[in-house]
Protein backbone atom coordinates (compact mmCIF):
# COMPACT_ATOMS: atom_id res chain seq x y z
CA UNK A 1 19.96 140.57 -20.13
CA UNK A 2 22.57 138.38 -18.58
CA UNK A 3 20.39 137.96 -15.52
CA UNK A 4 17.51 136.79 -17.62
CA UNK A 5 19.63 134.21 -19.34
CA UNK A 6 21.01 133.00 -16.04
CA UNK A 7 17.51 132.60 -14.65
CA UNK A 8 16.50 130.53 -17.70
CA UNK A 9 19.51 128.29 -17.22
CA UNK A 10 18.66 127.77 -13.60
CA UNK A 11 15.08 126.88 -14.49
CA UNK A 12 16.15 124.41 -17.20
CA UNK A 13 18.66 122.79 -14.91
CA UNK A 14 16.06 122.37 -12.18
CA UNK A 15 13.67 120.74 -14.65
CA UNK A 16 16.34 118.26 -15.75
CA UNK A 17 17.06 117.31 -12.14
CA UNK A 18 13.39 116.71 -11.44
CA UNK A 19 13.05 114.30 -14.42
CA UNK A 20 16.31 112.61 -13.63
CA UNK A 21 15.26 112.00 -10.02
CA UNK A 22 12.48 109.68 -11.22
CA UNK A 23 15.15 107.28 -12.34
CA UNK A 24 17.35 107.59 -9.25
CA UNK A 25 14.72 106.80 -6.62
CA UNK A 26 13.94 103.09 -6.99
CA UNK A 27 10.41 101.85 -7.10
CA UNK A 28 9.31 99.73 -4.13
CA UNK A 29 7.18 96.59 -4.86
CA UNK A 30 5.57 94.29 -2.29
CA UNK A 31 5.95 90.54 -3.14
CA UNK A 32 2.95 88.43 -2.15
CA UNK A 33 3.83 84.79 -1.19
CA UNK A 34 1.02 82.37 -1.90
CA UNK A 35 1.24 78.95 -0.20
CA UNK A 36 0.07 76.15 -2.50
CA UNK A 37 -1.38 73.22 -0.48
CA UNK A 38 0.42 69.93 -1.04
CA UNK A 39 -1.89 66.99 -1.57
CA UNK A 40 -1.09 64.02 0.74
CA UNK A 41 -1.42 60.62 -1.03
CA UNK A 42 -4.10 58.35 0.44
CA UNK A 43 -2.84 55.55 2.72
CA UNK A 44 -2.48 52.10 1.10
CA UNK A 45 -5.44 49.75 1.56
CA UNK A 46 -5.10 47.22 4.40
CA UNK A 47 -3.96 43.73 3.38
CA UNK A 48 -6.73 41.19 2.83
CA UNK A 49 -7.49 38.95 5.81
CA UNK A 50 -5.83 35.52 5.71
CA UNK A 51 -8.02 32.68 4.51
CA UNK A 52 -9.69 30.71 7.28
CA UNK A 53 -7.70 27.70 8.45
CA UNK A 54 -9.56 24.51 7.61
CA UNK A 55 -8.53 21.61 9.85
CA UNK A 56 -8.83 18.36 7.96
CA UNK A 57 -10.26 15.41 9.84
CA UNK A 58 -8.04 12.37 9.35
CA UNK A 59 -9.52 8.95 9.98
CA UNK A 60 -6.81 6.45 10.84
CA UNK A 61 -7.68 3.00 9.57
CA UNK A 62 -6.25 0.36 11.88
CA UNK A 63 -7.23 -2.54 9.62
CA UNK A 64 -4.48 -4.87 8.44
CA UNK A 65 -4.10 -8.25 6.78
CA UNK A 66 -1.17 -10.63 6.63
CA UNK A 67 -0.18 -13.82 4.85
CA UNK A 68 2.79 -16.03 5.55
CA UNK A 69 4.32 -19.44 6.09
CA UNK A 70 4.16 -21.53 9.23
CA UNK A 71 6.30 -24.33 10.61
CA UNK A 72 4.46 -26.44 13.20
CA UNK A 73 5.75 -28.97 15.70
CA UNK A 74 3.64 -31.67 17.28
CA UNK A 75 5.33 -32.95 20.47
CA UNK A 76 3.46 -35.85 22.14
CA UNK A 77 5.82 -36.06 25.16
CA UNK A 78 3.18 -34.60 27.40
CA UNK A 79 2.57 -37.33 29.98
CA UNK A 80 -0.46 -38.48 28.06
CA UNK A 81 -1.46 -41.44 25.93
CA UNK A 82 -0.11 -41.68 22.44
CA UNK A 83 3.49 -40.78 23.11
CA UNK A 84 5.86 -40.89 20.19
CA UNK A 85 8.39 -38.97 18.22
CA UNK A 86 8.04 -35.27 17.55
CA UNK A 87 6.29 -34.52 14.27
CA UNK A 88 6.88 -31.42 12.15
CA UNK A 89 4.66 -30.00 9.45
CA UNK A 90 4.51 -26.80 7.40
CA UNK A 91 1.80 -24.70 5.83
CA UNK A 92 0.26 -21.25 5.65
CA UNK A 93 -0.98 -18.64 8.11
CA UNK A 94 -3.48 -15.84 7.51
CA UNK A 95 -4.08 -12.87 9.82
CA UNK A 96 -6.76 -10.16 9.90
CA UNK A 97 -6.76 -7.54 12.64
CA UNK A 98 -7.54 -4.03 13.75
CA UNK A 99 -5.22 -1.79 15.80
CA UNK A 100 -7.29 0.64 17.89
CA UNK A 101 -4.18 2.57 18.88
CA UNK A 102 -0.46 1.97 19.27
CA UNK A 103 -1.01 -0.22 22.36
CA UNK A 104 -4.01 -2.43 21.69
CA UNK A 105 -5.66 -4.37 18.88
CA UNK A 106 -7.74 -7.42 18.02
CA UNK A 107 -6.73 -10.19 15.65
CA UNK A 108 -8.20 -13.30 14.05
CA UNK A 109 -5.82 -15.85 12.58
CA UNK A 110 -5.94 -19.24 10.94
CA UNK A 111 -3.25 -21.86 10.31
CA UNK A 112 -3.37 -24.83 8.00
CA UNK A 113 -0.45 -27.21 7.48
CA UNK A 114 -0.33 -29.08 4.19
CA UNK A 115 3.07 -30.69 4.19
CA UNK A 116 4.06 -33.37 6.67
CA UNK A 117 7.12 -35.43 7.47
CA UNK A 118 5.22 -38.45 8.77
CA UNK A 119 2.48 -37.22 11.07
CA UNK A 120 -0.85 -35.50 10.69
CA UNK A 121 -1.97 -32.14 9.43
CA UNK A 122 -3.07 -29.25 11.65
CA UNK A 123 -6.02 -26.90 11.39
CA UNK A 124 -6.16 -23.91 13.72
CA UNK A 125 -8.38 -20.81 13.97
CA UNK A 126 -8.73 -18.33 16.81
CA UNK A 127 -9.49 -14.81 18.00
CA UNK A 128 -6.96 -12.88 20.09
CA UNK A 129 -6.42 -9.76 22.12
CA UNK A 130 -3.29 -8.06 20.85
CA UNK A 131 -1.38 -5.87 23.33
CA UNK A 132 1.41 -3.97 21.56
CA UNK A 133 4.30 -1.63 22.16
CA UNK A 134 6.25 0.38 19.53
CA UNK A 135 9.96 0.06 20.36
CA UNK A 136 11.20 2.21 17.43
CA UNK A 137 9.98 4.01 14.35
CA UNK A 138 10.02 0.69 12.47
CA UNK A 139 9.54 -2.14 14.97
CA UNK A 140 6.40 -3.01 16.89
CA UNK A 141 6.29 -5.91 19.38
CA UNK A 142 3.01 -7.58 20.30
CA UNK A 143 1.48 -10.37 22.33
CA UNK A 144 -1.45 -12.68 21.59
CA UNK A 145 -3.94 -13.93 24.17
CA UNK A 146 -7.10 -15.64 23.01
CA UNK A 147 -9.26 -18.65 22.36
CA UNK A 148 -8.84 -21.04 19.44
CA UNK A 149 -10.00 -24.32 17.94
CA UNK A 150 -7.29 -26.75 16.90
CA UNK A 151 -7.61 -30.15 15.24
CA UNK A 152 -5.16 -32.64 13.83
CA UNK A 153 -5.90 -35.26 11.22
CA UNK A 154 -4.07 -38.25 9.76
CA UNK A 155 -0.88 -39.84 10.99
CA UNK A 156 -0.24 -42.17 13.91
CA UNK A 157 0.00 -39.47 16.60
CA UNK A 158 -2.59 -38.71 19.22
CA UNK A 159 -5.48 -36.88 17.60
CA UNK A 160 -6.24 -33.39 18.92
CA UNK A 161 -9.64 -31.71 18.80
CA UNK A 162 -9.53 -28.84 21.29
CA UNK A 163 -11.31 -25.56 21.91
CA UNK A 164 -9.03 -23.90 24.37
CA UNK A 165 -6.72 -21.10 25.41
CA UNK A 166 -3.92 -20.11 23.00
CA UNK A 167 -1.21 -17.48 23.18
CA UNK A 168 1.81 -16.11 21.36
CA UNK A 169 4.18 -13.20 20.80
CA UNK A 170 5.88 -11.57 17.85
CA UNK A 171 7.11 -8.45 16.13
CA UNK A 172 6.23 -6.40 13.07
CA UNK A 173 8.63 -4.41 10.91
CA UNK A 174 7.21 -1.45 9.02
CA UNK A 175 8.47 -1.05 5.44
CA UNK A 176 6.45 2.13 4.86
CA UNK A 177 7.09 5.73 5.88
CA UNK A 178 5.22 6.82 9.02
CA UNK A 179 4.74 10.54 8.35
CA UNK A 180 2.02 12.46 10.17
CA UNK A 181 -0.32 14.45 7.93
CA UNK A 182 -1.62 17.96 8.61
CA UNK A 183 -4.95 17.69 10.34
CA UNK A 184 -6.82 16.32 13.29
CA UNK A 185 -6.51 12.59 13.87
CA UNK A 186 -9.41 10.53 15.15
CA UNK A 187 -6.97 8.66 17.40
CA UNK A 188 -3.54 9.24 18.84
CA UNK A 189 -0.93 9.01 16.10
CA UNK A 190 2.45 7.89 17.35
CA UNK A 191 4.43 7.56 14.13
CA UNK A 192 6.03 4.38 15.46
CA UNK A 193 5.85 0.73 14.62
CA UNK A 194 3.26 -0.54 12.20
CA UNK A 195 0.68 2.22 12.26
CA UNK A 196 0.52 4.35 9.13
CA UNK A 197 -0.16 2.12 6.15
CA UNK A 198 1.60 0.08 3.52
CA UNK A 199 3.59 -3.12 3.59
CA UNK A 200 5.53 -4.66 6.44
CA UNK A 201 7.01 -7.92 7.69
CA UNK A 202 6.08 -10.02 10.70
CA UNK A 203 7.44 -12.98 12.63
CA UNK A 204 5.83 -14.62 15.67
CA UNK A 205 5.47 -17.69 17.82
CA UNK A 206 2.16 -19.28 18.87
CA UNK A 207 1.26 -22.09 21.25
CA UNK A 208 -1.86 -23.45 19.57
CA UNK A 209 -3.17 -25.46 22.53
CA UNK A 210 -2.52 -24.59 26.16
CA UNK A 211 -4.30 -27.34 28.01
CA UNK A 212 -3.32 -29.89 30.62
CA UNK A 213 -2.80 -33.37 29.15
CA UNK A 214 -2.66 -32.12 25.58
CA UNK A 215 0.31 -32.57 23.22
CA UNK A 216 2.43 -29.47 22.65
CA UNK A 217 1.50 -27.79 19.39
CA UNK A 218 3.87 -24.91 18.59
CA UNK A 219 4.26 -22.81 15.46
CA UNK A 220 6.80 -20.34 14.12
CA UNK A 221 5.24 -17.97 11.59
CA UNK A 222 6.62 -15.32 9.23
CA UNK A 223 5.23 -13.32 6.34
CA UNK A 224 4.07 -10.02 4.87
CA UNK A 225 1.56 -7.57 6.34
CA UNK A 226 -0.42 -4.78 4.71
CA UNK A 227 -1.89 -1.90 6.75
CA UNK A 228 -4.78 0.04 5.19
């Protein structure tokens, strides 16, 4: 009987060990790694192309006008008939010209004296070549070489009525600001002298008549210019 009981105990103990072993031996699981694709952001759009560069054509207007006062001297000591004392008169001068570039222009000018000390009045009109040179950003020197008609009237001096060579020289002072603009100029822009536009001042000397046997007729002129 004891052997039977012992056998039952052995059987029961074996059964308990079998069930307990299910908890002792760990379960083995395989972990599956799934790679999730990462979306790459699209590249930024290219910058827009720059706008086309438009080059502006700039027409430089070389036209100018001037108005001023003149002081004239009539000197008859020329080795000709009608000698006498020097006569001085005063009046106005007008100038109209065109500068083709910083070195050359054309000019027409007229002089009329209205006041007199004792002699006659002077009328003068001529056309001139005008060579120039800009010596600074404000000052432009020029010469005058041309042909003019000059007459005197009234007074006791020798009367002059001459169509002949005349010449002179002077300077212009620019009161404006010579600043080059962005664009393509239709002539060389120098930025010097009296070239860009606006008001300026001038002063010059002119020999009205350059002719053998003629009285000396000289003028000193000064006034205001305007460049278009």
